[in-house]
PDB file of N, CA and C in Angstrom:
ATOM      1  N   MET A   1    -113.600 -30.248  55.208  1.00  0.00           N
ATOM      2  CA  MET A   1    -114.375 -31.093  56.097  1.00  0.00           C
ATOM      3  C   MET A   1    -113.719 -32.472  56.157  1.00  0.00           C
ATOM      4  N   LYS A   2    -113.673 -33.046  57.345  1.00  0.00           N
ATOM      5  CA  LYS A   2    -113.123 -34.390  57.517  1.00  0.00           C
ATOM      6  C   LYS A   2    -114.091 -35.404  56.910  1.00  0.00           C
ATOM      7  N   LYS A   3    -113.561 -36.536  56.496  1.00  0.00           N
ATOM      8  CA  LYS A   3    -114.376 -37.576  55.877  1.00  0.00           C
ATOM      9  C   LYS A   3    -114.289 -38.858  56.702  1.00  0.00           C
ATOM     10  N   ALA A   4    -115.412 -39.560  56.762  1.00  0.00           N
ATOM     11  CA  ALA A   4    -115.472 -40.854  57.435  1.00  0.00           C
ATOM     12  C   ALA A   4    -116.189 -41.828  56.516  1.00  0.00           C
ATOM     13  N   VAL A   5    -115.635 -43.017  56.352  1.00  0.00           N
ATOM     14  CA  VAL A   5    -116.272 -44.072  55.575  1.00  0.00           C
ATOM     15  C   VAL A   5    -116.921 -45.033  56.559  1.00  0.00           C
ATOM     16  N   HIS A   6    -118.211 -45.283  56.349  1.00  0.00           N
ATOM     17  CA  HIS A   6    -118.926 -46.213  57.220  1.00  0.00           C
ATOM     18  C   HIS A   6    -119.441 -47.373  56.393  1.00  0.00           C
ATOM     19  N   PHE A   7    -118.985 -48.574  56.719  1.00  0.00           N
ATOM     20  CA  PHE A   7    -119.428 -49.785  56.036  1.00  0.00           C
ATOM     21  C   PHE A   7    -120.694 -50.273  56.725  1.00  0.00           C
ATOM     22  N   GLY A   8    -121.815 -50.125  56.027  1.00  0.00           N
ATOM     23  CA  GLY A   8    -123.104 -50.529  56.562  1.00  0.00           C
ATOM     24  C   GLY A   8    -124.020 -49.320  56.693  1.00  0.00           C
ATOM     25  N   ALA A   9    -124.992 -49.185  55.795  1.00  0.00           N
ATOM     26  CA  ALA A   9    -125.928 -48.061  55.834  1.00  0.00           C
ATOM     27  C   ALA A   9    -127.269 -48.502  56.407  1.00  0.00           C
ATOM     28  N   GLY A  10    -127.222 -49.387  57.373  1.00  0.00           N
ATOM     29  CA  GLY A  10    -128.446 -49.867  58.008  1.00  0.00           C
ATOM     30  C   GLY A  10    -128.871 -48.964  59.152  1.00  0.00           C
ATOM     31  N   ASN A  11    -129.663 -49.504  60.063  1.00  0.00           N
ATOM     32  CA  ASN A  11    -130.225 -48.708  61.152  1.00  0.00           C
ATOM     33  C   ASN A  11    -129.155 -48.095  62.046  1.00  0.00           C
ATOM     34  N   ILE A  12    -128.126 -48.837  62.366  1.00  0.00           N
ATOM     35  CA  ILE A  12    -127.076 -48.319  63.245  1.00  0.00           C
ATOM     36  C   ILE A  12    -126.274 -47.231  62.534  1.00  0.00           C
ATOM     37  N   GLY A  13    -125.859 -47.499  61.323  1.00  0.00           N
ATOM     38  CA  GLY A  13    -125.056 -46.541  60.582  1.00  0.00           C
ATOM     39  C   GLY A  13    -125.801 -45.258  60.278  1.00  0.00           C
ATOM     40  N   ARG A  14    -127.007 -45.389  59.730  1.00  0.00           N
ATOM     41  CA  ARG A  14    -127.782 -44.201  59.363  1.00  0.00           C
ATOM     42  C   ARG A  14    -128.430 -43.534  60.556  1.00  0.00           C
ATOM     43  N   GLY A  15    -128.933 -44.338  61.485  1.00  0.00           N
ATOM     44  CA  GLY A  15    -129.715 -43.783  62.583  1.00  0.00           C
ATOM     45  C   GLY A  15    -128.914 -43.262  63.753  1.00  0.00           C
ATOM     46  N   PHE A  16    -127.705 -43.762  63.937  1.00  0.00           N
ATOM     47  CA  PHE A  16    -126.931 -43.356  65.105  1.00  0.00           C
ATOM     48  C   PHE A  16    -125.575 -42.770  64.739  1.00  0.00           C
ATOM     49  N   ILE A  17    -124.782 -43.537  64.012  1.00  0.00           N
ATOM     50  CA  ILE A  17    -123.393 -43.143  63.772  1.00  0.00           C
ATOM     51  C   ILE A  17    -123.294 -41.926  62.850  1.00  0.00           C
ATOM     52  N   ALA A  18    -123.985 -41.928  61.722  1.00  0.00           N
ATOM     53  CA  ALA A  18    -123.884 -40.812  60.777  1.00  0.00           C
ATOM     54  C   ALA A  18    -124.316 -39.483  61.392  1.00  0.00           C
ATOM     55  N   PRO A  19    -125.450 -39.422  62.125  1.00  0.00           N
ATOM     56  CA  PRO A  19    -125.806 -38.136  62.735  1.00  0.00           C
ATOM     57  C   PRO A  19    -124.755 -37.637  63.731  1.00  0.00           C
ATOM     58  N   VAL A  20    -124.174 -38.530  64.505  1.00  0.00           N
ATOM     59  CA  VAL A  20    -123.134 -38.123  65.458  1.00  0.00           C
ATOM     60  C   VAL A  20    -121.910 -37.607  64.714  1.00  0.00           C
ATOM     61  N   LEU A  21    -121.513 -38.299  63.660  1.00  0.00           N
ATOM     62  CA  LEU A  21    -120.362 -37.842  62.880  1.00  0.00           C
ATOM     63  C   LEU A  21    -120.630 -36.484  62.235  1.00  0.00           C
ATOM     64  N   GLN A  22    -121.828 -36.314  61.669  1.00  0.00           N
ATOM     65  CA  GLN A  22    -122.145 -35.034  61.038  1.00  0.00           C
ATOM     66  C   GLN A  22    -122.158 -33.896  62.050  1.00  0.00           C
ATOM     67  N   GLU A  23    -122.642 -34.157  63.253  1.00  0.00           N
ATOM     68  CA  GLU A  23    -122.625 -33.129  64.293  1.00  0.00           C
ATOM     69  C   GLU A  23    -121.194 -32.737  64.656  1.00  0.00           C
ATOM     70  N   ASN A  24    -120.235 -33.611  64.358  1.00  0.00           N
ATOM     71  CA  ASN A  24    -118.829 -33.344  64.639  1.00  0.00           C
ATOM     72  C   ASN A  24    -118.045 -33.018  63.368  1.00  0.00           C
ATOM     73  N   GLU A  25    -118.764 -32.509  62.372  1.00  0.00           N
ATOM     74  CA  GLU A  25    -118.192 -31.973  61.142  1.00  0.00           C
ATOM     75  C   GLU A  25    -117.472 -33.001  60.268  1.00  0.00           C
ATOM     76  N   TYR A  26    -118.041 -34.197  60.197  1.00  0.00           N
ATOM     77  CA  TYR A  26    -117.557 -35.216  59.277  1.00  0.00           C
ATOM     78  C   TYR A  26    -118.515 -35.356  58.111  1.00  0.00           C
ATOM     79  N   GLU A  27    -117.963 -35.515  56.928  1.00  0.00           N
ATOM     80  CA  GLU A  27    -118.748 -35.933  55.776  1.00  0.00           C
ATOM     81  C   GLU A  27    -118.770 -37.455  55.817  1.00  0.00           C
ATOM     82  N   VAL A  28    -119.955 -38.039  55.802  1.00  0.00           N
ATOM     83  CA  VAL A  28    -120.092 -39.485  55.928  1.00  0.00           C
ATOM     84  C   VAL A  28    -120.291 -40.103  54.556  1.00  0.00           C
ATOM     85  N   ILE A  29    -119.487 -41.106  54.271  1.00  0.00           N
ATOM     86  CA  ILE A  29    -119.591 -41.865  53.030  1.00  0.00           C
ATOM     87  C   ILE A  29    -119.965 -43.290  53.419  1.00  0.00           C
ATOM     88  N   PHE A  30    -121.130 -43.736  52.974  1.00  0.00           N
ATOM     89  CA  PHE A  30    -121.596 -45.079  53.274  1.00  0.00           C
ATOM     90  C   PHE A  30    -121.150 -46.068  52.201  1.00  0.00           C
ATOM     91  N   VAL A  31    -120.883 -47.290  52.624  1.00  0.00           N
ATOM     92  CA  VAL A  31    -120.684 -48.421  51.719  1.00  0.00           C
ATOM     93  C   VAL A  31    -121.666 -49.493  52.174  1.00  0.00           C
ATOM     94  N   ASP A  32    -122.504 -49.975  51.268  1.00  0.00           N
ATOM     95  CA  ASP A  32    -123.510 -50.964  51.636  1.00  0.00           C
ATOM     96  C   ASP A  32    -123.832 -51.827  50.432  1.00  0.00           C
ATOM     97  N   ILE A  33    -124.399 -53.008  50.689  1.00  0.00           N
ATOM     98  CA  ILE A  33    -124.735 -53.932  49.609  1.00  0.00           C
ATOM     99  C   ILE A  33    -126.194 -53.832  49.173  1.00  0.00           C
ATOM    100  N   ASN A  34    -127.014 -53.057  49.889  1.00  0.00           N
ATOM    101  CA  ASN A  34    -128.421 -52.902  49.557  1.00  0.00           C
ATOM    102  C   ASN A  34    -128.560 -51.808  48.500  1.00  0.00           C
ATOM    103  N   ASN A  35    -128.572 -52.209  47.233  1.00  0.00           N
ATOM    104  CA  ASN A  35    -128.578 -51.245  46.131  1.00  0.00           C
ATOM    105  C   ASN A  35    -129.835 -50.385  46.092  1.00  0.00           C
ATOM    106  N   GLU A  36    -130.985 -50.934  46.506  1.00  0.00           N
ATOM    107  CA  GLU A  36    -132.217 -50.149  46.529  1.00  0.00           C
ATOM    108  C   GLU A  36    -132.105 -49.008  47.544  1.00  0.00           C
ATOM    109  N   LEU A  37    -131.578 -49.307  48.715  1.00  0.00           N
ATOM    110  CA  LEU A  37    -131.376 -48.289  49.743  1.00  0.00           C
ATOM    111  C   LEU A  37    -130.369 -47.240  49.275  1.00  0.00           C
ATOM    112  N   ILE A  38    -129.311 -47.678  48.673  1.00  0.00           N
ATOM    113  CA  ILE A  38    -128.275 -46.770  48.176  1.00  0.00           C
ATOM    114  C   ILE A  38    -128.852 -45.816  47.140  1.00  0.00           C
ATOM    115  N   GLN A  39    -129.628 -46.349  46.207  1.00  0.00           N
ATOM    116  CA  GLN A  39    -130.231 -45.518  45.167  1.00  0.00           C
ATOM    117  C   GLN A  39    -131.172 -44.486  45.786  1.00  0.00           C
ATOM    118  N   GLN A  40    -131.959 -44.899  46.766  1.00  0.00           N
ATOM    119  CA  GLN A  40    -132.897 -43.997  47.421  1.00  0.00           C
ATOM    120  C   GLN A  40    -132.157 -42.858  48.132  1.00  0.00           C
ATOM    121  N   ILE A  41    -131.119 -43.184  48.881  1.00  0.00           N
ATOM    122  CA  ILE A  41    -130.362 -42.143  49.595  1.00  0.00           C
ATOM    123  C   ILE A  41    -129.668 -41.221  48.603  1.00  0.00           C
ATOM    124  N   ASN A  42    -129.063 -41.774  47.578  1.00  0.00           N
ATOM    125  CA  ASN A  42    -128.369 -40.942  46.588  1.00  0.00           C
ATOM    126  C   ASN A  42    -129.329 -40.014  45.853  1.00  0.00           C
ATOM    127  N   ASN A  43    -130.550 -40.480  45.559  1.00  0.00           N
ATOM    128  CA  ASN A  43    -131.520 -39.650  44.852  1.00  0.00           C
ATOM    129  C   ASN A  43    -132.017 -38.488  45.713  1.00  0.00           C
ATOM    130  N   LEU A  44    -132.208 -38.743  47.005  1.00  0.00           N
ATOM    131  CA  LEU A  44    -132.756 -37.722  47.898  1.00  0.00           C
ATOM    132  C   LEU A  44    -131.676 -36.873  48.571  1.00  0.00           C
ATOM    133  N   ASN A  45    -130.463 -37.393  48.674  1.00  0.00           N
ATOM    134  CA  ASN A  45    -129.359 -36.741  49.386  1.00  0.00           C
ATOM    135  C   ASN A  45    -129.694 -36.490  50.851  1.00  0.00           C
ATOM    136  N   GLN A  46    -130.634 -37.249  51.383  1.00  0.00           N
ATOM    137  CA  GLN A  46    -131.016 -37.137  52.783  1.00  0.00           C
ATOM    138  C   GLN A  46    -131.861 -38.345  53.160  1.00  0.00           C
ATOM    139  N   TYR A  47    -132.077 -38.496  54.455  1.00  0.00           N
ATOM    140  CA  TYR A  47    -132.993 -39.522  54.931  1.00  0.00           C
ATOM    141  C   TYR A  47    -133.517 -39.106  56.301  1.00  0.00           C
ATOM    142  N   ASN A  48    -134.592 -39.728  56.718  1.00  0.00           N
ATOM    143  CA  ASN A  48    -135.249 -39.403  57.980  1.00  0.00           C
ATOM    144  C   ASN A  48    -134.891 -40.439  59.034  1.00  0.00           C
ATOM    145  N   VAL A  49    -134.652 -39.964  60.261  1.00  0.00           N
ATOM    146  CA  VAL A  49    -134.415 -40.849  61.402  1.00  0.00           C
ATOM    147  C   VAL A  49    -135.511 -40.569  62.415  1.00  0.00           C
ATOM    148  N   THR A  50    -136.257 -41.598  62.785  1.00  0.00           N
ATOM    149  CA  THR A  50    -137.295 -41.480  63.799  1.00  0.00           C
ATOM    150  C   THR A  50    -136.819 -42.182  65.061  1.00  0.00           C
ATOM    151  N   SER A  51    -136.835 -41.458  66.177  1.00  0.00           N
ATOM    152  CA  SER A  51    -136.459 -42.023  67.478  1.00  0.00           C
ATOM    153  C   SER A  51    -137.715 -42.145  68.325  1.00  0.00           C
ATOM    154  N   LEU A  52    -137.891 -43.301  68.939  1.00  0.00           N
ATOM    155  CA  LEU A  52    -139.079 -43.567  69.740  1.00  0.00           C
ATOM    156  C   LEU A  52    -138.701 -43.735  71.204  1.00  0.00           C
ATOM    157  N   SER A  53    -139.566 -43.239  72.069  1.00  0.00           N
ATOM    158  CA  SER A  53    -139.433 -43.483  73.504  1.00  0.00           C
ATOM    159  C   SER A  53    -140.823 -43.765  74.053  1.00  0.00           C
ATOM    160  N   LEU A  54    -140.925 -44.041  75.330  1.00  0.00           N
ATOM    161  CA  LEU A  54    -142.235 -44.303  75.923  1.00  0.00           C
ATOM    162  C   LEU A  54    -143.116 -43.056  75.909  1.00  0.00           C
ATOM    163  N   GLU A  55    -142.498 -41.876  75.998  1.00  0.00           N
ATOM    164  CA  GLU A  55    -143.254 -40.637  76.073  1.00  0.00           C
ATOM    165  C   GLU A  55    -143.575 -40.021  74.714  1.00  0.00           C
ATOM    166  N   ASN A  56    -142.639 -40.115  73.766  1.00  0.00           N
ATOM    167  CA  ASN A  56    -142.857 -39.428  72.494  1.00  0.00           C
ATOM    168  C   ASN A  56    -141.957 -39.996  71.407  1.00  0.00           C
ATOM    169  N   SER A  57    -142.016 -39.350  70.255  1.00  0.00           N
ATOM    170  CA  SER A  57    -141.117 -39.705  69.167  1.00  0.00           C
ATOM    171  C   SER A  57    -140.570 -38.419  68.560  1.00  0.00           C
ATOM    172  N   THR A  58    -139.387 -38.505  67.978  1.00  0.00           N
ATOM    173  CA  THR A  58    -138.775 -37.357  67.329  1.00  0.00           C
ATOM    174  C   THR A  58    -138.334 -37.763  65.928  1.00  0.00           C
ATOM    175  N   ASN A  59    -138.369 -36.812  65.025  1.00  0.00           N
ATOM    176  CA  ASN A  59    -137.900 -37.024  63.661  1.00  0.00           C
ATOM    177  C   ASN A  59    -136.747 -36.080  63.391  1.00  0.00           C
ATOM    178  N   LYS A  60    -135.723 -36.611  62.744  1.00  0.00           N
ATOM    179  CA  LYS A  60    -134.575 -35.799  62.367  1.00  0.00           C
ATOM    180  C   LYS A  60    -134.232 -36.137  60.918  1.00  0.00           C
ATOM    181  N   ILE A  61    -134.033 -35.109  60.116  1.00  0.00           N
ATOM    182  CA  ILE A  61    -133.619 -35.328  58.736  1.00  0.00           C
ATOM    183  C   ILE A  61    -132.109 -35.188  58.675  1.00  0.00           C
ATOM    184  N   VAL A  62    -131.452 -36.233  58.198  1.00  0.00           N
ATOM    185  CA  VAL A  62    -130.003 -36.215  58.001  1.00  0.00           C
ATOM    186  C   VAL A  62    -129.771 -35.810  56.553  1.00  0.00           C
ATOM    187  N   GLU A  63    -129.161 -34.640  56.383  1.00  0.00           N
ATOM    188  CA  GLU A  63    -128.989 -34.075  55.045  1.00  0.00           C
ATOM    189  C   GLU A  63    -127.545 -34.183  54.583  1.00  0.00           C
ATOM    190  N   ASN A  64    -127.330 -33.767  53.348  1.00  0.00           N
ATOM    191  CA  ASN A  64    -125.994 -33.758  52.741  1.00  0.00           C
ATOM    192  C   ASN A  64    -125.370 -35.149  52.712  1.00  0.00           C
ATOM    193  N   VAL A  65    -126.201 -36.128  52.431  1.00  0.00           N
ATOM    194  CA  VAL A  65    -125.713 -37.491  52.255  1.00  0.00           C
ATOM    195  C   VAL A  65    -125.710 -37.730  50.753  1.00  0.00           C
ATOM    196  N   ASN A  66    -124.544 -37.707  50.146  1.00  0.00           N
ATOM    197  CA  ASN A  66    -124.504 -37.831  48.698  1.00  0.00           C
ATOM    198  C   ASN A  66    -123.376 -38.711  48.205  1.00  0.00           C
ATOM    199  N   HIS A  67    -122.791 -39.449  49.083  1.00  0.00           N
ATOM    200  CA  HIS A  67    -121.725 -40.366  48.679  1.00  0.00           C
ATOM    201  C   HIS A  67    -122.018 -41.748  49.260  1.00  0.00           C
ATOM    202  N   VAL A  68    -122.923 -42.451  48.622  1.00  0.00           N
ATOM    203  CA  VAL A  68    -123.243 -43.795  49.067  1.00  0.00           C
ATOM    204  C   VAL A  68    -122.783 -44.758  47.989  1.00  0.00           C
ATOM    205  N   ILE A  69    -121.974 -45.721  48.377  1.00  0.00           N
ATOM    206  CA  ILE A  69    -121.337 -46.610  47.414  1.00  0.00           C
ATOM    207  C   ILE A  69    -121.859 -48.026  47.631  1.00  0.00           C
ATOM    208  N   GLY A  70    -122.347 -48.641  46.554  1.00  0.00           N
ATOM    209  CA  GLY A  70    -122.841 -50.002  46.627  1.00  0.00           C
ATOM    210  C   GLY A  70    -121.731 -51.010  46.399  1.00  0.00           C
ATOM    211  N   GLN A  71    -122.042 -52.256  46.655  1.00  0.00           N
ATOM    212  CA  GLN A  71    -121.045 -53.326  46.551  1.00  0.00           C
ATOM    213  C   GLN A  71    -120.463 -53.406  45.141  1.00  0.00           C
ATOM    214  N   GLN A  72    -121.305 -53.339  44.106  1.00  0.00           N
ATOM    215  CA  GLN A  72    -120.795 -53.441  42.739  1.00  0.00           C
ATOM    216  C   GLN A  72    -119.901 -52.265  42.398  1.00  0.00           C
ATOM    217  N   LEU A  73    -120.319 -51.058  42.815  1.00  0.00           N
ATOM    218  CA  LEU A  73    -119.504 -49.883  42.553  1.00  0.00           C
ATOM    219  C   LEU A  73    -118.216 -49.923  43.358  1.00  0.00           C
ATOM    220  N   LEU A  74    -118.282 -50.453  44.570  1.00  0.00           N
ATOM    221  CA  LEU A  74    -117.081 -50.542  45.400  1.00  0.00           C
ATOM    222  C   LEU A  74    -116.028 -51.404  44.731  1.00  0.00           C
ATOM    223  N   VAL A  75    -116.443 -52.517  44.143  1.00  0.00           N
ATOM    224  CA  VAL A  75    -115.490 -53.392  43.460  1.00  0.00           C
ATOM    225  C   VAL A  75    -114.841 -52.641  42.301  1.00  0.00           C
ATOM    226  N   LYS A  76    -115.633 -51.850  41.562  1.00  0.00           N
ATOM    227  CA  LYS A  76    -115.092 -51.093  40.436  1.00  0.00           C
ATOM    228  C   LYS A  76    -114.214 -49.937  40.896  1.00  0.00           C
ATOM    229  N   ARG A  77    -114.512 -49.364  42.070  1.00  0.00           N
ATOM    230  CA  ARG A  77    -113.818 -48.163  42.526  1.00  0.00           C
ATOM    231  C   ARG A  77    -112.887 -48.428  43.699  1.00  0.00           C
ATOM    232  N   GLU A  78    -112.620 -49.669  44.025  1.00  0.00           N
ATOM    233  CA  GLU A  78    -111.841 -49.973  45.221  1.00  0.00           C
ATOM    234  C   GLU A  78    -110.525 -49.215  45.250  1.00  0.00           C
ATOM    235  N   ASN A  79    -109.812 -49.188  44.150  1.00  0.00           N
ATOM    236  CA  ASN A  79    -108.541 -48.470  44.124  1.00  0.00           C
ATOM    237  C   ASN A  79    -108.751 -46.971  44.246  1.00  0.00           C
ATOM    238  N   ASP A  80    -109.763 -46.434  43.542  1.00  0.00           N
ATOM    239  CA  ASP A  80    -110.039 -45.002  43.621  1.00  0.00           C
ATOM    240  C   ASP A  80    -110.431 -44.583  45.031  1.00  0.00           C
ATOM    241  N   LEU A  81    -111.211 -45.427  45.710  1.00  0.00           N
ATOM    242  CA  LEU A  81    -111.733 -45.076  47.017  1.00  0.00           C
ATOM    243  C   LEU A  81    -110.618 -44.805  48.009  1.00  0.00           C
ATOM    244  N   PHE A  82    -109.540 -45.524  47.908  1.00  0.00           N
ATOM    245  CA  PHE A  82    -108.486 -45.400  48.902  1.00  0.00           C
ATOM    246  C   PHE A  82    -107.200 -44.798  48.347  1.00  0.00           C
ATOM    247  N   GLU A  83    -107.289 -44.105  47.209  1.00  0.00           N
ATOM    248  CA  GLU A  83    -106.105 -43.428  46.687  1.00  0.00           C
ATOM    249  C   GLU A  83    -105.778 -42.215  47.546  1.00  0.00           C
ATOM    250  N   ASP A  84    -104.659 -41.598  47.270  1.00  0.00           N
ATOM    251  CA  ASP A  84    -104.177 -40.479  48.082  1.00  0.00           C
ATOM    252  C   ASP A  84    -105.192 -39.355  48.245  1.00  0.00           C
ATOM    253  N   HIS A  85    -105.989 -39.060  47.210  1.00  0.00           N
ATOM    254  CA  HIS A  85    -106.940 -37.958  47.327  1.00  0.00           C
ATOM    255  C   HIS A  85    -108.160 -38.333  48.151  1.00  0.00           C
ATOM    256  N   TYR A  86    -108.259 -39.566  48.559  1.00  0.00           N
ATOM    257  CA  TYR A  86    -109.355 -40.023  49.407  1.00  0.00           C
ATOM    258  C   TYR A  86    -108.790 -40.587  50.703  1.00  0.00           C
ATOM    259  N   LEU A  87    -108.087 -39.771  51.442  1.00  0.00           N
ATOM    260  CA  LEU A  87    -107.558 -40.212  52.731  1.00  0.00           C
ATOM    261  C   LEU A  87    -108.619 -39.985  53.799  1.00  0.00           C
ATOM    262  N   PHE A  88    -108.952 -41.025  54.507  1.00  0.00           N
ATOM    263  CA  PHE A  88    -109.999 -40.939  55.508  1.00  0.00           C
ATOM    264  C   PHE A  88    -109.400 -41.116  56.892  1.00  0.00           C
ATOM    265  N   PRO A  89    -109.660 -40.167  57.781  1.00  0.00           N
ATOM    266  CA  PRO A  89    -109.161 -40.328  59.140  1.00  0.00           C
ATOM    267  C   PRO A  89    -109.965 -41.352  59.928  1.00  0.00           C
ATOM    268  N   MET A  90    -111.120 -41.767  59.389  1.00  0.00           N
ATOM    269  CA  MET A  90    -111.960 -42.671  60.153  1.00  0.00           C
ATOM    270  C   MET A  90    -112.654 -43.671  59.236  1.00  0.00           C
ATOM    271  N   LEU A  91    -112.522 -44.949  59.550  1.00  0.00           N
ATOM    272  CA  LEU A  91    -113.258 -46.025  58.881  1.00  0.00           C
ATOM    273  C   LEU A  91    -114.076 -46.733  59.944  1.00  0.00           C
ATOM    274  N   LEU A  92    -115.372 -46.955  59.680  1.00  0.00           N
ATOM    275  CA  LEU A  92    -116.259 -47.572  60.661  1.00  0.00           C
ATOM    276  C   LEU A  92    -117.014 -48.726  60.031  1.00  0.00           C
ATOM    277  N   LEU A  93    -117.452 -49.644  60.875  1.00  0.00           N
ATOM    278  CA  LEU A  93    -118.199 -50.813  60.406  1.00  0.00           C
ATOM    279  C   LEU A  93    -119.308 -51.100  61.400  1.00  0.00           C
ATOM    280  N   SER A  94    -120.523 -51.252  60.892  1.00  0.00           N
ATOM    281  CA  SER A  94    -121.613 -51.773  61.724  1.00  0.00           C
ATOM    282  C   SER A  94    -122.329 -52.826  60.902  1.00  0.00           C
ATOM    283  N   ASN A  95    -122.227 -54.052  61.343  1.00  0.00           N
ATOM    284  CA  ASN A  95    -122.817 -55.168  60.635  1.00  0.00           C
ATOM    285  C   ASN A  95    -123.263 -56.192  61.662  1.00  0.00           C
ATOM    286  N   PRO A  96    -124.386 -55.919  62.347  1.00  0.00           N
ATOM    287  CA  PRO A  96    -124.839 -56.850  63.388  1.00  0.00           C
ATOM    288  C   PRO A  96    -125.226 -58.201  62.769  1.00  0.00           C
ATOM    289  N   ASN A  97    -124.913 -59.254  63.475  1.00  0.00           N
ATOM    290  CA  ASN A  97    -125.304 -60.598  63.015  1.00  0.00           C
ATOM    291  C   ASN A  97    -126.808 -60.723  63.079  1.00  0.00           C
ATOM    292  N   LYS A  98    -127.365 -61.364  62.051  1.00  0.00           N
ATOM    293  CA  LYS A  98    -128.821 -61.552  62.018  1.00  0.00           C
ATOM    294  C   LYS A  98    -129.187 -62.918  62.531  1.00  0.00           C
TER     295      LYS A  98
END
């Protein structure tokens, strides 16, 4: 399976980009600084995405999410993350200004 690293496990990364990548046979690896969110995703190995429209809402469970890396772990694993055995054809970033 192809791998993609996405920097930012917020609404855009989890709610839009990761589901599209998974539908195209990518394993998604998140990097984020929100350690509480990272711990929650790693413990469940999945998360729920709710989409709203004027007519209805839909829920989708994004499964097989088990590689979420926090800022502290990234600093410790920076060299490991990008070594030869971790070649990623795709690196993505979503970090909207607040």
